[in-house]
Amino acid sequence: MSISSGALPTAEAVSVHDLIVPTTQILANLPLVRTNGGSATLFAFDAGQALKEHTSSFEALLFVLEGALIVTIGGAPVPAAAGTVVRLPISVPHAVRAEESARMLLVILR
């Protein structure tokens, strides 16, 4: 299955493994849904890949689907393993680094 339009099909169960896979060249991401209320984006990390420190104007929830991540929030590292969720506050610098191959779902709340 491929989602070329960036929209997740409705009323259909779709495997995360079929949607996105880690790559060594670039951090893989796939927007699943975007509405006025927020968005949901899948990310696939290869070991060692990272999202650089940045801030957001919106709160977000980071769901670790598999693997292990270090989420740094306001300079403090937060280890996050598969099956965990991390709340990212508004305007606080944060970054994400993969300890191993990992997949995560980022839900931004507007």
PDB file of N, CA and C in Angstrom:
ATOM      1  N   MET A   1       0.836  -1.173   0.000  1.00  0.00           N
ATOM      2  CA  MET A   1       0.000   0.000   0.000  1.00  0.00           C
ATOM      3  C   MET A   1       0.879   1.234   0.000  1.00  0.00           C
ATOM      4  N   SER A   2       0.508   2.214  -0.771  1.00  0.00           N
ATOM      5  CA  SER A   2       1.239   3.471  -0.834  1.00  0.00           C
ATOM      6  C   SER A   2       0.264   4.626  -0.689  1.00  0.00           C
ATOM      7  N   ILE A   3       0.644   5.609   0.073  1.00  0.00           N
ATOM      8  CA  ILE A   3      -0.206   6.782   0.251  1.00  0.00           C
ATOM      9  C   ILE A   3       0.487   7.949  -0.422  1.00  0.00           C
ATOM     10  N   SER A   4       0.274   8.073  -1.704  1.00  0.00           N
ATOM     11  CA  SER A   4       0.960   9.122  -2.438  1.00  0.00           C
ATOM     12  C   SER A   4       0.363  10.497  -2.162  1.00  0.00           C
ATOM     13  N   SER A   5      -0.911  10.558  -1.802  1.00  0.00           N
ATOM     14  CA  SER A   5      -1.549  11.854  -1.575  1.00  0.00           C
ATOM     15  C   SER A   5      -1.286  12.383  -0.179  1.00  0.00           C
ATOM     16  N   GLY A   6      -0.696  11.552   0.721  1.00  0.00           N
ATOM     17  CA  GLY A   6      -0.434  11.985   2.074  1.00  0.00           C
ATOM     18  C   GLY A   6      -1.631  11.844   2.988  1.00  0.00           C
ATOM     19  N   ALA A   7      -2.701  11.209   2.503  1.00  0.00           N
ATOM     20  CA  ALA A   7      -3.893  11.023   3.328  1.00  0.00           C
ATOM     21  C   ALA A   7      -4.095   9.539   3.610  1.00  0.00           C
ATOM     22  N   LEU A   8      -4.360   9.231   4.850  1.00  0.00           N
ATOM     23  CA  LEU A   8      -4.616   7.851   5.249  1.00  0.00           C
ATOM     24  C   LEU A   8      -6.013   7.463   4.789  1.00  0.00           C
ATOM     25  N   PRO A   9      -6.174   6.304   4.159  1.00  0.00           N
ATOM     26  CA  PRO A   9      -7.517   5.897   3.720  1.00  0.00           C
ATOM     27  C   PRO A   9      -8.443   5.703   4.916  1.00  0.00           C
ATOM     28  N   THR A  10      -9.717   5.979   4.732  1.00  0.00           N
ATOM     29  CA  THR A  10     -10.686   5.807   5.804  1.00  0.00           C
ATOM     30  C   THR A  10     -11.243   4.394   5.789  1.00  0.00           C
ATOM     31  N   ALA A  11     -11.686   3.950   6.942  1.00  0.00           N
ATOM     32  CA  ALA A  11     -12.339   2.646   7.111  1.00  0.00           C
ATOM     33  C   ALA A  11     -11.480   1.498   6.585  1.00  0.00           C
ATOM     34  N   GLU A  12     -10.184   1.582   6.847  1.00  0.00           N
ATOM     35  CA  GLU A  12      -9.258   0.549   6.376  1.00  0.00           C
ATOM     36  C   GLU A  12      -8.108   0.422   7.378  1.00  0.00           C
ATOM     37  N   ALA A  13      -7.769  -0.809   7.746  1.00  0.00           N
ATOM     38  CA  ALA A  13      -6.616  -1.051   8.617  1.00  0.00           C
ATOM     39  C   ALA A  13      -5.374  -1.126   7.744  1.00  0.00           C
ATOM     40  N   VAL A  14      -4.362  -0.337   8.092  1.00  0.00           N
ATOM     41  CA  VAL A  14      -3.144  -0.258   7.297  1.00  0.00           C
ATOM     42  C   VAL A  14      -1.947  -0.515   8.212  1.00  0.00           C
ATOM     43  N   SER A  15      -1.040  -1.361   7.780  1.00  0.00           N
ATOM     44  CA  SER A  15       0.159  -1.672   8.551  1.00  0.00           C
ATOM     45  C   SER A  15       1.142  -0.512   8.511  1.00  0.00           C
ATOM     46  N   VAL A  16       1.640  -0.122   9.680  1.00  0.00           N
ATOM     47  CA  VAL A  16       2.654   0.932   9.749  1.00  0.00           C
ATOM     48  C   VAL A  16       3.882   0.514   8.944  1.00  0.00           C
ATOM     49  N   HIS A  17       4.234  -0.770   8.986  1.00  0.00           N
ATOM     50  CA  HIS A  17       5.401  -1.268   8.237  1.00  0.00           C
ATOM     51  C   HIS A  17       5.229  -1.068   6.737  1.00  0.00           C
ATOM     52  N   ASP A  18       3.987  -1.144   6.263  1.00  0.00           N
ATOM     53  CA  ASP A  18       3.738  -0.942   4.837  1.00  0.00           C
ATOM     54  C   ASP A  18       3.755   0.536   4.451  1.00  0.00           C
ATOM     55  N   LEU A  19       3.557   1.399   5.420  1.00  0.00           N
ATOM     56  CA  LEU A  19       3.474   2.830   5.128  1.00  0.00           C
ATOM     57  C   LEU A  19       4.832   3.518   5.073  1.00  0.00           C
ATOM     58  N   ILE A  20       5.731   3.130   5.993  1.00  0.00           N
ATOM     59  CA  ILE A  20       6.992   3.865   6.104  1.00  0.00           C
ATOM     60  C   ILE A  20       8.088   2.953   6.645  1.00  0.00           C
ATOM     61  N   VAL A  21       9.285   3.101   6.090  1.00  0.00           N
ATOM     62  CA  VAL A  21      10.435   2.317   6.547  1.00  0.00           C
ATOM     63  C   VAL A  21      11.621   3.256   6.746  1.00  0.00           C
ATOM     64  N   PRO A  22      12.491   2.948   7.702  1.00  0.00           N
ATOM     65  CA  PRO A  22      13.686   3.773   7.890  1.00  0.00           C
ATOM     66  C   PRO A  22      14.593   3.692   6.666  1.00  0.00           C
ATOM     67  N   THR A  23      15.285   4.783   6.382  1.00  0.00           N
ATOM     68  CA  THR A  23      16.278   4.810   5.307  1.00  0.00           C
ATOM     69  C   THR A  23      17.567   5.388   5.870  1.00  0.00           C
ATOM     70  N   THR A  24      18.673   5.039   5.267  1.00  0.00           N
ATOM     71  CA  THR A  24      19.958   5.529   5.772  1.00  0.00           C
ATOM     72  C   THR A  24      20.285   6.933   5.252  1.00  0.00           C
ATOM     73  N   GLN A  25      19.681   7.339   4.171  1.00  0.00           N
ATOM     74  CA  GLN A  25      20.032   8.614   3.543  1.00  0.00           C
ATOM     75  C   GLN A  25      19.295   9.811   4.127  1.00  0.00           C
ATOM     76  N   ILE A  26      18.018   9.630   4.494  1.00  0.00           N
ATOM     77  CA  ILE A  26      17.199  10.760   4.932  1.00  0.00           C
ATOM     78  C   ILE A  26      16.163  10.252   5.925  1.00  0.00           C
ATOM     79  N   LEU A  27      15.793  11.097   6.862  1.00  0.00           N
ATOM     80  CA  LEU A  27      14.767  10.736   7.836  1.00  0.00           C
ATOM     81  C   LEU A  27      13.427  10.640   7.113  1.00  0.00           C
ATOM     82  N   ALA A  28      12.810   9.470   7.162  1.00  0.00           N
ATOM     83  CA  ALA A  28      11.552   9.249   6.459  1.00  0.00           C
ATOM     84  C   ALA A  28      10.383   9.795   7.272  1.00  0.00           C
ATOM     85  N   ASN A  29       9.487  10.528   6.605  1.00  0.00           N
ATOM     86  CA  ASN A  29       8.263  10.975   7.276  1.00  0.00           C
ATOM     87  C   ASN A  29       7.112  10.940   6.286  1.00  0.00           C
ATOM     88  N   LEU A  30       5.920  10.694   6.816  1.00  0.00           N
ATOM     89  CA  LEU A  30       4.734  10.573   5.981  1.00  0.00           C
ATOM     90  C   LEU A  30       3.550  11.219   6.694  1.00  0.00           C
ATOM     91  N   PRO A  31       3.067  12.365   6.195  1.00  0.00           N
ATOM     92  CA  PRO A  31       1.863  12.956   6.776  1.00  0.00           C
ATOM     93  C   PRO A  31       0.673  12.028   6.522  1.00  0.00           C
ATOM     94  N   LEU A  32      -0.057  11.693   7.583  1.00  0.00           N
ATOM     95  CA  LEU A  32      -1.215  10.812   7.448  1.00  0.00           C
ATOM     96  C   LEU A  32      -2.508  11.596   7.322  1.00  0.00           C
ATOM     97  N   VAL A  33      -2.613  12.655   8.120  1.00  0.00           N
ATOM     98  CA  VAL A  33      -3.833  13.470   8.102  1.00  0.00           C
ATOM     99  C   VAL A  33      -3.485  14.877   8.563  1.00  0.00           C
ATOM    100  N   ARG A  34      -4.171  15.845   7.987  1.00  0.00           N
ATOM    101  CA  ARG A  34      -3.974  17.242   8.365  1.00  0.00           C
ATOM    102  C   ARG A  34      -5.344  17.912   8.352  1.00  0.00           C
ATOM    103  N   THR A  35      -5.722  18.499   9.489  1.00  0.00           N
ATOM    104  CA  THR A  35      -7.001  19.196   9.602  1.00  0.00           C
ATOM    105  C   THR A  35      -6.770  20.525  10.310  1.00  0.00           C
ATOM    106  N   ASN A  36      -7.829  21.318  10.442  1.00  0.00           N
ATOM    107  CA  ASN A  36      -7.715  22.578  11.185  1.00  0.00           C
ATOM    108  C   ASN A  36      -7.394  22.326  12.647  1.00  0.00           C
ATOM    109  N   GLY A  37      -7.738  21.140  13.163  1.00  0.00           N
ATOM    110  CA  GLY A  37      -7.494  20.808  14.557  1.00  0.00           C
ATOM    111  C   GLY A  37      -6.123  20.229  14.841  1.00  0.00           C
ATOM    112  N   GLY A  38      -5.376  19.885  13.802  1.00  0.00           N
ATOM    113  CA  GLY A  38      -4.048  19.319  14.006  1.00  0.00           C
ATOM    114  C   GLY A  38      -3.620  18.418  12.873  1.00  0.00           C
ATOM    115  N   SER A  39      -2.579  17.631  13.147  1.00  0.00           N
ATOM    116  CA  SER A  39      -2.049  16.733  12.124  1.00  0.00           C
ATOM    117  C   SER A  39      -1.435  15.504  12.785  1.00  0.00           C
ATOM    118  N   ALA A  40      -1.255  14.470  11.974  1.00  0.00           N
ATOM    119  CA  ALA A  40      -0.586  13.246  12.426  1.00  0.00           C
ATOM    120  C   ALA A  40       0.406  12.845  11.345  1.00  0.00           C
ATOM    121  N   THR A  41       1.665  12.644  11.762  1.00  0.00           N
ATOM    122  CA  THR A  41       2.731  12.303  10.819  1.00  0.00           C
ATOM    123  C   THR A  41       3.524  11.127  11.362  1.00  0.00           C
ATOM    124  N   LEU A  42       3.763  10.140  10.505  1.00  0.00           N
ATOM    125  CA  LEU A  42       4.618   9.009  10.854  1.00  0.00           C
ATOM    126  C   LEU A  42       6.063   9.356  10.530  1.00  0.00           C
ATOM    127  N   PHE A  43       6.977   8.923  11.386  1.00  0.00           N
ATOM    128  CA  PHE A  43       8.408   9.068  11.147  1.00  0.00           C
ATOM    129  C   PHE A  43       9.057   7.703  11.289  1.00  0.00           C
ATOM    130  N   ALA A  44      10.059   7.433  10.476  1.00  0.00           N
ATOM    131  CA  ALA A  44      10.861   6.208  10.591  1.00  0.00           C
ATOM    132  C   ALA A  44      12.322   6.621  10.670  1.00  0.00           C
ATOM    133  N   PHE A  45      12.980   6.220  11.755  1.00  0.00           N
ATOM    134  CA  PHE A  45      14.374   6.568  12.005  1.00  0.00           C
ATOM    135  C   PHE A  45      15.254   5.343  11.832  1.00  0.00           C
ATOM    136  N   ASP A  46      16.405   5.515  11.232  1.00  0.00           N
ATOM    137  CA  ASP A  46      17.461   4.518  11.283  1.00  0.00           C
ATOM    138  C   ASP A  46      18.262   4.839  12.544  1.00  0.00           C
ATOM    139  N   ALA A  47      18.973   3.884  13.087  1.00  0.00           N
ATOM    140  CA  ALA A  47      19.768   4.126  14.305  1.00  0.00           C
ATOM    141  C   ALA A  47      20.670   5.341  14.108  1.00  0.00           C
ATOM    142  N   GLY A  48      20.640   6.254  15.071  1.00  0.00           N
ATOM    143  CA  GLY A  48      21.481   7.440  15.030  1.00  0.00           C
ATOM    144  C   GLY A  48      20.858   8.649  14.351  1.00  0.00           C
ATOM    145  N   GLN A  49      19.780   8.472  13.599  1.00  0.00           N
ATOM    146  CA  GLN A  49      19.150   9.615  12.948  1.00  0.00           C
ATOM    147  C   GLN A  49      18.440  10.487  13.977  1.00  0.00           C
ATOM    148  N   ALA A  50      18.263  11.768  13.639  1.00  0.00           N
ATOM    149  CA  ALA A  50      17.685  12.692  14.607  1.00  0.00           C
ATOM    150  C   ALA A  50      16.908  13.814  13.928  1.00  0.00           C
ATOM    151  N   LEU A  51      16.008  14.391  14.707  1.00  0.00           N
ATOM    152  CA  LEU A  51      15.376  15.659  14.371  1.00  0.00           C
ATOM    153  C   LEU A  51      16.098  16.707  15.202  1.00  0.00           C
ATOM    154  N   LYS A  52      16.633  17.736  14.572  1.00  0.00           N
ATOM    155  CA  LYS A  52      17.372  18.778  15.279  1.00  0.00           C
ATOM    156  C   LYS A  52      16.461  19.542  16.234  1.00  0.00           C
ATOM    157  N   GLU A  53      17.086  20.162  17.222  1.00  0.00           N
ATOM    158  CA  GLU A  53      16.326  20.930  18.199  1.00  0.00           C
ATOM    159  C   GLU A  53      15.535  22.040  17.509  1.00  0.00           C
ATOM    160  N   HIS A  54      14.287  22.176  17.924  1.00  0.00           N
ATOM    161  CA  HIS A  54      13.393  23.192  17.384  1.00  0.00           C
ATOM    162  C   HIS A  54      12.284  23.457  18.400  1.00  0.00           C
ATOM    163  N   THR A  55      11.444  24.437  18.125  1.00  0.00           N
ATOM    164  CA  THR A  55      10.283  24.709  18.963  1.00  0.00           C
ATOM    165  C   THR A  55       9.035  24.625  18.105  1.00  0.00           C
ATOM    166  N   SER A  56       7.890  24.576  18.753  1.00  0.00           N
ATOM    167  CA  SER A  56       6.616  24.516  18.050  1.00  0.00           C
ATOM    168  C   SER A  56       5.629  25.466  18.705  1.00  0.00           C
ATOM    169  N   SER A  57       4.738  26.017  17.909  1.00  0.00           N
ATOM    170  CA  SER A  57       3.692  26.905  18.409  1.00  0.00           C
ATOM    171  C   SER A  57       2.483  26.124  18.910  1.00  0.00           C
ATOM    172  N   PHE A  58       2.578  24.796  18.834  1.00  0.00           N
ATOM    173  CA  PHE A  58       1.463  23.935  19.237  1.00  0.00           C
ATOM    174  C   PHE A  58       1.967  22.823  20.144  1.00  0.00           C
ATOM    175  N   GLU A  59       1.083  22.333  21.015  1.00  0.00           N
ATOM    176  CA  GLU A  59       1.424  21.149  21.799  1.00  0.00           C
ATOM    177  C   GLU A  59       1.430  19.947  20.876  1.00  0.00           C
ATOM    178  N   ALA A  60       2.181  18.921  21.256  1.00  0.00           N
ATOM    179  CA  ALA A  60       2.247  17.714  20.443  1.00  0.00           C
ATOM    180  C   ALA A  60       2.363  16.489  21.342  1.00  0.00           C
ATOM    181  N   LEU A  61       1.935  15.363  20.803  1.00  0.00           N
ATOM    182  CA  LEU A  61       2.103  14.069  21.445  1.00  0.00           C
ATOM    183  C   LEU A  61       2.957  13.213  20.536  1.00  0.00           C
ATOM    184  N   LEU A  62       4.007  12.648  21.090  1.00  0.00           N
ATOM    185  CA  LEU A  62       4.938  11.801  20.343  1.00  0.00           C
ATOM    186  C   LEU A  62       4.742  10.364  20.835  1.00  0.00           C
ATOM    187  N   PHE A  63       4.225   9.496  19.976  1.00  0.00           N
ATOM    188  CA  PHE A  63       3.996   8.095  20.302  1.00  0.00           C
ATOM    189  C   PHE A  63       5.117   7.250  19.707  1.00  0.00           C
ATOM    190  N   VAL A  64       5.847   6.519  20.531  1.00  0.00           N
ATOM    191  CA  VAL A  64       6.895   5.637  20.035  1.00  0.00           C
ATOM    192  C   VAL A  64       6.235   4.298  19.698  1.00  0.00           C
ATOM    193  N   LEU A  65       6.217   3.966  18.423  1.00  0.00           N
ATOM    194  CA  LEU A  65       5.562   2.746  17.961  1.00  0.00           C
ATOM    195  C   LEU A  65       6.477   1.536  18.060  1.00  0.00           C
ATOM    196  N   GLU A  66       7.751   1.747  17.778  1.00  0.00           N
ATOM    197  CA  GLU A  66       8.747   0.672  17.923  1.00  0.00           C
ATOM    198  C   GLU A  66      10.129   1.291  18.030  1.00  0.00           C
ATOM    199  N   GLY A  67      11.043   0.531  18.598  1.00  0.00           N
ATOM    200  CA  GLY A  67      12.404   1.022  18.778  1.00  0.00           C
ATOM    201  C   GLY A  67      12.543   1.843  20.046  1.00  0.00           C
ATOM    202  N   ALA A  68      13.583   2.673  20.083  1.00  0.00           N
ATOM    203  CA  ALA A  68      13.857   3.508  21.245  1.00  0.00           C
ATOM    204  C   ALA A  68      14.369   4.864  20.788  1.00  0.00           C
ATOM    205  N   LEU A  69      13.846   5.919  21.423  1.00  0.00           N
ATOM    206  CA  LEU A  69      14.219   7.290  21.110  1.00  0.00           C
ATOM    207  C   LEU A  69      14.676   8.004  22.367  1.00  0.00           C
ATOM    208  N   ILE A  70      15.512   9.016  22.185  1.00  0.00           N
ATOM    209  CA  ILE A  70      15.818   9.966  23.246  1.00  0.00           C
ATOM    210  C   ILE A  70      15.180  11.272  22.804  1.00  0.00           C
ATOM    211  N   VAL A  71      14.209  11.736  23.576  1.00  0.00           N
ATOM    212  CA  VAL A  71      13.540  13.003  23.294  1.00  0.00           C
ATOM    213  C   VAL A  71      14.115  14.009  24.285  1.00  0.00           C
ATOM    214  N   THR A  72      14.770  15.026  23.788  1.00  0.00           N
ATOM    215  CA  THR A  72      15.339  16.056  24.658  1.00  0.00           C
ATOM    216  C   THR A  72      14.365  17.226  24.688  1.00  0.00           C
ATOM    217  N   ILE A  73      13.894  17.562  25.903  1.00  0.00           N
ATOM    218  CA  ILE A  73      12.910  18.629  26.070  1.00  0.00           C
ATOM    219  C   ILE A  73      13.481  19.656  27.037  1.00  0.00           C
ATOM    220  N   GLY A  74      13.675  20.854  26.547  1.00  0.00           N
ATOM    221  CA  GLY A  74      14.247  21.899  27.393  1.00  0.00           C
ATOM    222  C   GLY A  74      15.609  21.515  27.946  1.00  0.00           C
ATOM    223  N   GLY A  75      16.386  20.761  27.178  1.00  0.00           N
ATOM    224  CA  GLY A  75      17.725  20.341  27.575  1.00  0.00           C
ATOM    225  C   GLY A  75      17.782  19.058  28.380  1.00  0.00           C
ATOM    226  N   ALA A  76      16.639  18.521  28.791  1.00  0.00           N
ATOM    227  CA  ALA A  76      16.609  17.293  29.595  1.00  0.00           C
ATOM    228  C   ALA A  76      16.276  16.081  28.724  1.00  0.00           C
ATOM    229  N   PRO A  77      17.135  15.052  28.721  1.00  0.00           N
ATOM    230  CA  PRO A  77      16.855  13.860  27.920  1.00  0.00           C
ATOM    231  C   PRO A  77      15.743  13.014  28.550  1.00  0.00           C
ATOM    232  N   VAL A  78      14.826  12.561  27.700  1.00  0.00           N
ATOM    233  CA  VAL A  78      13.724  11.706  28.122  1.00  0.00           C
ATOM    234  C   VAL A  78      13.790  10.426  27.289  1.00  0.00           C
ATOM    235  N   PRO A  79      14.255   9.302  27.880  1.00  0.00           N
ATOM    236  CA  PRO A  79      14.261   8.042  27.135  1.00  0.00           C
ATOM    237  C   PRO A  79      12.823   7.595  26.875  1.00  0.00           C
ATOM    238  N   ALA A  80      12.539   7.196  25.641  1.00  0.00           N
ATOM    239  CA  ALA A  80      11.190   6.769  25.269  1.00  0.00           C
ATOM    240  C   ALA A  80      11.279   5.480  24.461  1.00  0.00           C
ATOM    241  N   ALA A  81      10.714   4.421  25.007  1.00  0.00           N
ATOM    242  CA  ALA A  81      10.734   3.101  24.353  1.00  0.00           C
ATOM    243  C   ALA A  81       9.400   2.848  23.660  1.00  0.00           C
ATOM    244  N   ALA A  82       9.363   1.793  22.864  1.00  0.00           N
ATOM    245  CA  ALA A  82       8.140   1.399  22.173  1.00  0.00           C
ATOM    246  C   ALA A  82       6.999   1.273  23.179  1.00  0.00           C
ATOM    247  N   GLY A  83       5.850   1.794  22.794  1.00  0.00           N
ATOM    248  CA  GLY A  83       4.682   1.727  23.656  1.00  0.00           C
ATOM    249  C   GLY A  83       4.530   2.914  24.592  1.00  0.00           C
ATOM    250  N   THR A  84       5.422   3.916  24.472  1.00  0.00           N
ATOM    251  CA  THR A  84       5.319   5.093  25.337  1.00  0.00           C
ATOM    252  C   THR A  84       4.875   6.313  24.538  1.00  0.00           C
ATOM    253  N   VAL A  85       4.406   7.321  25.270  1.00  0.00           N
ATOM    254  CA  VAL A  85       4.000   8.584  24.658  1.00  0.00           C
ATOM    255  C   VAL A  85       4.658   9.715  25.448  1.00  0.00           C
ATOM    256  N   VAL A  86       5.076  10.762  24.739  1.00  0.00           N
ATOM    257  CA  VAL A  86       5.720  11.919  25.352  1.00  0.00           C
ATOM    258  C   VAL A  86       4.940  13.159  24.923  1.00  0.00           C
ATOM    259  N   ARG A  87       4.586  13.995  25.899  1.00  0.00           N
ATOM    260  CA  ARG A  87       3.890  15.254  25.597  1.00  0.00           C
ATOM    261  C   ARG A  87       4.931  16.354  25.426  1.00  0.00           C
ATOM    262  N   LEU A  88       4.870  17.041  24.293  1.00  0.00           N
ATOM    263  CA  LEU A  88       5.802  18.130  23.990  1.00  0.00           C
ATOM    264  C   LEU A  88       5.094  19.461  24.199  1.00  0.00           C
ATOM    265  N   PRO A  89       5.591  20.292  25.121  1.00  0.00           N
ATOM    266  CA  PRO A  89       4.920  21.563  25.412  1.00  0.00           C
ATOM    267  C   PRO A  89       5.183  22.623  24.346  1.00  0.00           C
ATOM    268  N   ILE A  90       4.318  23.607  24.324  1.00  0.00           N
ATOM    269  CA  ILE A  90       4.435  24.734  23.400  1.00  0.00           C
ATOM    270  C   ILE A  90       5.701  25.538  23.705  1.00  0.00           C
ATOM    271  N   SER A  91       6.409  25.927  22.659  1.00  0.00           N
ATOM    272  CA  SER A  91       7.543  26.859  22.721  1.00  0.00           C
ATOM    273  C   SER A  91       8.753  26.395  23.527  1.00  0.00           C
ATOM    274  N   VAL A  92       8.819  25.137  23.924  1.00  0.00           N
ATOM    275  CA  VAL A  92       9.980  24.605  24.639  1.00  0.00           C
ATOM    276  C   VAL A  92      10.845  23.861  23.624  1.00  0.00           C
ATOM    277  N   PRO A  93      12.135  24.188  23.513  1.00  0.00           N
ATOM    278  CA  PRO A  93      12.994  23.495  22.552  1.00  0.00           C
ATOM    279  C   PRO A  93      13.012  21.991  22.805  1.00  0.00           C
ATOM    280  N   HIS A  94      12.926  21.239  21.712  1.00  0.00           N
ATOM    281  CA  HIS A  94      12.973  19.779  21.817  1.00  0.00           C
ATOM    282  C   HIS A  94      13.646  19.200  20.578  1.00  0.00           C
ATOM    283  N   ALA A  95      14.177  17.988  20.755  1.00  0.00           N
ATOM    284  CA  ALA A  95      14.850  17.257  19.681  1.00  0.00           C
ATOM    285  C   ALA A  95      14.573  15.775  19.891  1.00  0.00           C
ATOM    286  N   VAL A  96      14.772  14.986  18.828  1.00  0.00           N
ATOM    287  CA  VAL A  96      14.537  13.546  18.897  1.00  0.00           C
ATOM    288  C   VAL A  96      15.716  12.833  18.243  1.00  0.00           C
ATOM    289  N   ARG A  97      16.240  11.801  18.923  1.00  0.00           N
ATOM    290  CA  ARG A  97      17.334  11.001  18.367  1.00  0.00           C
ATOM    291  C   ARG A  97      17.008   9.524  18.558  1.00  0.00           C
ATOM    292  N   ALA A  98      17.253   8.748  17.513  1.00  0.00           N
ATOM    293  CA  ALA A  98      16.977   7.307  17.565  1.00  0.00           C
ATOM    294  C   ALA A  98      18.166   6.548  18.139  1.00  0.00           C
ATOM    295  N   GLU A  99      17.927   5.796  19.187  1.00  0.00           N
ATOM    296  CA  GLU A  99      18.945   4.921  19.759  1.00  0.00           C
ATOM    297  C   GLU A  99      19.118   3.677  18.892  1.00  0.00           C
ATOM    298  N   GLU A 100      18.057   3.296  18.218  1.00  0.00           N
ATOM    299  CA  GLU A 100      18.024   2.138  17.324  1.00  0.00           C
ATOM    300  C   GLU A 100      16.964   2.441  16.274  1.00  0.00           C
ATOM    301  N   SER A 101      16.818   1.577  15.297  1.00  0.00           N
ATOM    302  CA  SER A 101      15.774   1.765  14.297  1.00  0.00           C
ATOM    303  C   SER A 101      14.442   1.942  15.016  1.00  0.00           C
ATOM    304  N   ALA A 102      13.681   2.953  14.613  1.00  0.00           N
ATOM    305  CA  ALA A 102      12.452   3.267  15.347  1.00  0.00           C
ATOM    306  C   ALA A 102      11.407   3.888  14.423  1.00  0.00           C
ATOM    307  N   ARG A 103      10.168   3.768  14.862  1.00  0.00           N
ATOM    308  CA  ARG A 103       9.050   4.444  14.202  1.00  0.00           C
ATOM    309  C   ARG A 103       8.278   5.201  15.270  1.00  0.00           C
ATOM    310  N   MET A 104       7.809   6.393  14.909  1.00  0.00           N
ATOM    311  CA  MET A 104       7.014   7.181  15.843  1.00  0.00           C
ATOM    312  C   MET A 104       5.885   7.873  15.106  1.00  0.00           C
ATOM    313  N   LEU A 105       4.849   8.187  15.854  1.00  0.00           N
ATOM    314  CA  LEU A 105       3.723   8.968  15.340  1.00  0.00           C
ATOM    315  C   LEU A 105       3.710  10.283  16.093  1.00  0.00           C
ATOM    316  N   LEU A 106       3.751  11.383  15.355  1.00  0.00           N
ATOM    317  CA  LEU A 106       3.704  12.719  15.948  1.00  0.00           C
ATOM    318  C   LEU A 106       2.337  13.304  15.679  1.00  0.00           C
ATOM    319  N   VAL A 107       1.618  13.628  16.755  1.00  0.00           N
ATOM    320  CA  VAL A 107       0.287  14.239  16.640  1.00  0.00           C
ATOM    321  C   VAL A 107       0.404  15.672  17.154  1.00  0.00           C
ATOM    322  N   ILE A 108       0.155  16.617  16.269  1.00  0.00           N
ATOM    323  CA  ILE A 108       0.214  18.032  16.632  1.00  0.00           C
ATOM    324  C   ILE A 108      -1.214  18.512  16.892  1.00  0.00           C
ATOM    325  N   LEU A 109      -1.394  19.165  18.050  1.00  0.00           N
ATOM    326  CA  LEU A 109      -2.715  19.650  18.472  1.00  0.00           C
ATOM    327  C   LEU A 109      -2.788  21.145  18.270  1.00  0.00           C
ATOM    328  N   ARG A 110      -3.691  21.589  17.439  1.00  0.00           N
ATOM    329  CA  ARG A 110      -3.837  23.038  17.180  1.00  0.00           C
ATOM    330  C   ARG A 110      -4.976  23.615  17.963  1.00  0.00           C
TER     331      ARG A 110
END
